[in-house]
Amino acid sequence: MKVADYLKEGLKNFTQEKVEGAVGECKEGCHRVSVFVSRQGDKITDCKFNATKRCKKLLAITDYMCQLVKETGEVPTKEQLLSFFSEEKEKEKMENRADIALSALRQALEAS
């Protein structure tokens, strides 16, 4: 899938407000993402995010990551995220945005 096609479907896990639960943040250059995770026991019950709106790649990959977390209850691999967006041409940028999103998610999980 291409990022533009994913964004046309709409972001499912983006929030303007801080959500209850643990938060993890990652910044790199002008890119910033915050991931909010809620748990009940060992089970992840919700995953939302907020990010700089400039980078469409970061928005798409983080939204998809949150969706996978909610569906599976597990941290997706970088390869899972990248394979979903395999039609994107700028592979290096996609790898970087996946690293940013996963770093924020891991921080949130450690804090929860």
C-alpha atoms as a PDB file:
ATOM      1  CA  MET A   1       0.000   0.000   0.000  1.00  0.00           C
ATOM      2  CA  LYS A   2       1.085   3.576  -0.567  1.00  0.00           C
ATOM      3  CA  VAL A   3       1.047   6.108   2.254  1.00  0.00           C
ATOM      4  CA  ALA A   4      -1.252   8.418   0.263  1.00  0.00           C
ATOM      5  CA  ASP A   5      -3.813   5.621  -0.176  1.00  0.00           C
ATOM      6  CA  TYR A   6      -3.667   4.761   3.530  1.00  0.00           C
ATOM      7  CA  LEU A   7      -4.202   8.397   4.512  1.00  0.00           C
ATOM      8  CA  LYS A   8      -7.195   8.681   2.172  1.00  0.00           C
ATOM      9  CA  GLU A   9      -8.901   6.011   4.290  1.00  0.00           C
ATOM     10  CA  GLY A  10      -8.413   8.215   7.356  1.00  0.00           C
ATOM     11  CA  LEU A  11      -6.359   7.873  10.511  1.00  0.00           C
ATOM     12  CA  LYS A  12      -8.059   5.580  13.016  1.00  0.00           C
ATOM     13  CA  ASN A  13      -5.768   6.060  16.005  1.00  0.00           C
ATOM     14  CA  PHE A  14      -4.713   9.724  15.874  1.00  0.00           C
ATOM     15  CA  THR A  15      -5.728  11.913  18.803  1.00  0.00           C
ATOM     16  CA  GLN A  16      -5.327  15.618  19.518  1.00  0.00           C
ATOM     17  CA  GLU A  17      -5.717  15.059  23.250  1.00  0.00           C
ATOM     18  CA  LYS A  18      -3.543  13.253  25.739  1.00  0.00           C
ATOM     19  CA  VAL A  19      -5.061   9.860  26.463  1.00  0.00           C
ATOM     20  CA  GLU A  20      -5.047   8.108  29.832  1.00  0.00           C
ATOM     21  CA  GLY A  21      -2.370   5.493  30.124  1.00  0.00           C
ATOM     22  CA  ALA A  22       1.346   5.309  29.576  1.00  0.00           C
ATOM     23  CA  VAL A  23       3.031   7.589  27.097  1.00  0.00           C
ATOM     24  CA  GLY A  24       6.188   7.168  25.079  1.00  0.00           C
ATOM     25  CA  GLU A  25       7.747   9.880  22.975  1.00  0.00           C
ATOM     26  CA  CYS A  26      10.376   9.988  20.304  1.00  0.00           C
ATOM     27  CA  LYS A  27      11.832  13.008  18.527  1.00  0.00           C
ATOM     28  CA  GLU A  28      14.212  13.068  15.628  1.00  0.00           C
ATOM     29  CA  GLY A  29      14.890  16.311  13.832  1.00  0.00           C
ATOM     30  CA  CYS A  30      11.533  17.959  13.132  1.00  0.00           C
ATOM     31  CA  HIS A  31       9.650  14.677  13.614  1.00  0.00           C
ATOM     32  CA  ARG A  32       7.901  13.984  16.913  1.00  0.00           C
ATOM     33  CA  VAL A  33       5.510  11.247  17.916  1.00  0.00           C
ATOM     34  CA  SER A  34       3.789  10.413  21.192  1.00  0.00           C
ATOM     35  CA  VAL A  35       2.216   6.985  21.662  1.00  0.00           C
ATOM     36  CA  PHE A  36      -0.385   6.370  24.372  1.00  0.00           C
ATOM     37  CA  VAL A  37      -0.942   2.808  25.589  1.00  0.00           C
ATOM     38  CA  SER A  38      -3.625   1.562  27.975  1.00  0.00           C
ATOM     39  CA  ARG A  39      -3.445  -1.864  29.606  1.00  0.00           C
ATOM     40  CA  GLN A  40      -5.541  -4.101  31.768  1.00  0.00           C
ATOM     41  CA  GLY A  41      -3.118  -6.498  33.366  1.00  0.00           C
ATOM     42  CA  ASP A  42      -0.839  -7.791  30.629  1.00  0.00           C
ATOM     43  CA  LYS A  43      -3.349  -7.037  27.873  1.00  0.00           C
ATOM     44  CA  ILE A  44      -3.060  -3.877  25.774  1.00  0.00           C
ATOM     45  CA  THR A  45      -6.548  -2.416  25.504  1.00  0.00           C
ATOM     46  CA  ASP A  46      -5.854   0.729  23.495  1.00  0.00           C
ATOM     47  CA  CYS A  47      -3.138   2.428  21.498  1.00  0.00           C
ATOM     48  CA  LYS A  48      -3.379   6.000  20.190  1.00  0.00           C
ATOM     49  CA  PHE A  49      -0.849   8.516  18.965  1.00  0.00           C
ATOM     50  CA  ASN A  50      -0.167  12.153  18.270  1.00  0.00           C
ATOM     51  CA  ALA A  51       2.511  13.319  15.842  1.00  0.00           C
ATOM     52  CA  THR A  52       3.740  16.257  13.873  1.00  0.00           C
ATOM     53  CA  LYS A  53       1.410  16.607  10.930  1.00  0.00           C
ATOM     54  CA  ARG A  54       4.135  17.480   8.449  1.00  0.00           C
ATOM     55  CA  CYS A  55       5.263  13.944   7.800  1.00  0.00           C
ATOM     56  CA  LYS A  56       2.640  11.812   6.107  1.00  0.00           C
ATOM     57  CA  LYS A  57       4.892   8.750   6.298  1.00  0.00           C
ATOM     58  CA  LEU A  58       5.163   9.070  10.089  1.00  0.00           C
ATOM     59  CA  LEU A  59       1.407   9.538  10.446  1.00  0.00           C
ATOM     60  CA  ALA A  60       0.583   6.492   8.322  1.00  0.00           C
ATOM     61  CA  ILE A  61       3.146   4.108   9.773  1.00  0.00           C
ATOM     62  CA  THR A  62       2.315   5.066  13.381  1.00  0.00           C
ATOM     63  CA  ASP A  63      -1.423   4.732  12.787  1.00  0.00           C
ATOM     64  CA  TYR A  64      -0.948   1.296  11.238  1.00  0.00           C
ATOM     65  CA  MET A  65       1.362   0.280  14.106  1.00  0.00           C
ATOM     66  CA  CYS A  66      -1.280   1.284  16.679  1.00  0.00           C
ATOM     67  CA  GLN A  67      -3.908  -0.689  14.775  1.00  0.00           C
ATOM     68  CA  LEU A  68      -1.722  -3.811  14.817  1.00  0.00           C
ATOM     69  CA  VAL A  69      -1.063  -3.393  18.547  1.00  0.00           C
ATOM     70  CA  LYS A  70      -4.801  -3.169  19.246  1.00  0.00           C
ATOM     71  CA  GLU A  71      -5.591  -6.179  17.065  1.00  0.00           C
ATOM     72  CA  THR A  72      -2.785  -8.484  18.226  1.00  0.00           C
ATOM     73  CA  GLY A  73      -1.766  -7.122  21.623  1.00  0.00           C
ATOM     74  CA  GLU A  74       1.862  -7.371  20.517  1.00  0.00           C
ATOM     75  CA  VAL A  75       4.559  -5.028  19.301  1.00  0.00           C
ATOM     76  CA  PRO A  76       4.830  -5.369  15.527  1.00  0.00           C
ATOM     77  CA  THR A  77       8.209  -5.795  13.915  1.00  0.00           C
ATOM     78  CA  LYS A  78       9.737  -3.152  11.724  1.00  0.00           C
ATOM     79  CA  GLU A  79       9.468  -5.612   8.842  1.00  0.00           C
ATOM     80  CA  GLN A  80       5.701  -5.968   9.376  1.00  0.00           C
ATOM     81  CA  LEU A  81       5.256  -2.213   9.176  1.00  0.00           C
ATOM     82  CA  LEU A  82       7.456  -1.830   6.115  1.00  0.00           C
ATOM     83  CA  SER A  83       5.941  -4.756   4.251  1.00  0.00           C
ATOM     84  CA  PHE A  84       2.470  -3.203   4.574  1.00  0.00           C
ATOM     85  CA  PHE A  85       3.779  -0.073   2.862  1.00  0.00           C
ATOM     86  CA  SER A  86       5.912  -1.975   0.350  1.00  0.00           C
ATOM     87  CA  GLU A  87       4.708   0.212  -2.541  1.00  0.00           C
ATOM     88  CA  GLU A  88       6.435   3.291  -1.073  1.00  0.00           C
ATOM     89  CA  LYS A  89       9.553   4.287  -2.997  1.00  0.00           C
ATOM     90  CA  GLU A  90      11.508   6.099  -0.274  1.00  0.00           C
ATOM     91  CA  LYS A  91      12.497   2.977   1.680  1.00  0.00           C
ATOM     92  CA  GLU A  92      15.101   4.744   3.811  1.00  0.00           C
ATOM     93  CA  LYS A  93      12.592   7.338   5.020  1.00  0.00           C
ATOM     94  CA  MET A  94      10.034   4.632   5.762  1.00  0.00           C
ATOM     95  CA  GLU A  95      12.604   2.695   7.809  1.00  0.00           C
ATOM     96  CA  ASN A  96      13.419   5.848   9.770  1.00  0.00           C
ATOM     97  CA  ARG A  97       9.752   6.621  10.472  1.00  0.00           C
ATOM     98  CA  ALA A  98       9.166   3.021  11.578  1.00  0.00           C
ATOM     99  CA  ASP A  99      12.095   3.325  13.995  1.00  0.00           C
ATOM    100  CA  ILE A 100      10.631   6.534  15.447  1.00  0.00           C
ATOM    101  CA  ALA A 101       7.169   5.000  15.913  1.00  0.00           C
ATOM    102  CA  LEU A 102       8.483   1.759  17.425  1.00  0.00           C
ATOM    103  CA  SER A 103      10.770   3.639  19.808  1.00  0.00           C
ATOM    104  CA  ALA A 104       7.834   5.650  21.162  1.00  0.00           C
ATOM    105  CA  LEU A 105       5.731   2.492  21.492  1.00  0.00           C
ATOM    106  CA  ARG A 106       8.460   0.661  23.419  1.00  0.00           C
ATOM    107  CA  GLN A 107       8.821   3.629  25.794  1.00  0.00           C
ATOM    108  CA  ALA A 108       5.085   3.638  26.431  1.00  0.00           C
ATOM    109  CA  LEU A 109       5.085  -0.078  27.146  1.00  0.00           C
ATOM    110  CA  GLU A 110       8.027   0.240  29.540  1.00  0.00           C
ATOM    111  CA  ALA A 111       6.194   3.031  31.378  1.00  0.00           C
ATOM    112  CA  SER A 112       2.972   1.043  31.714  1.00  0.00           C
END
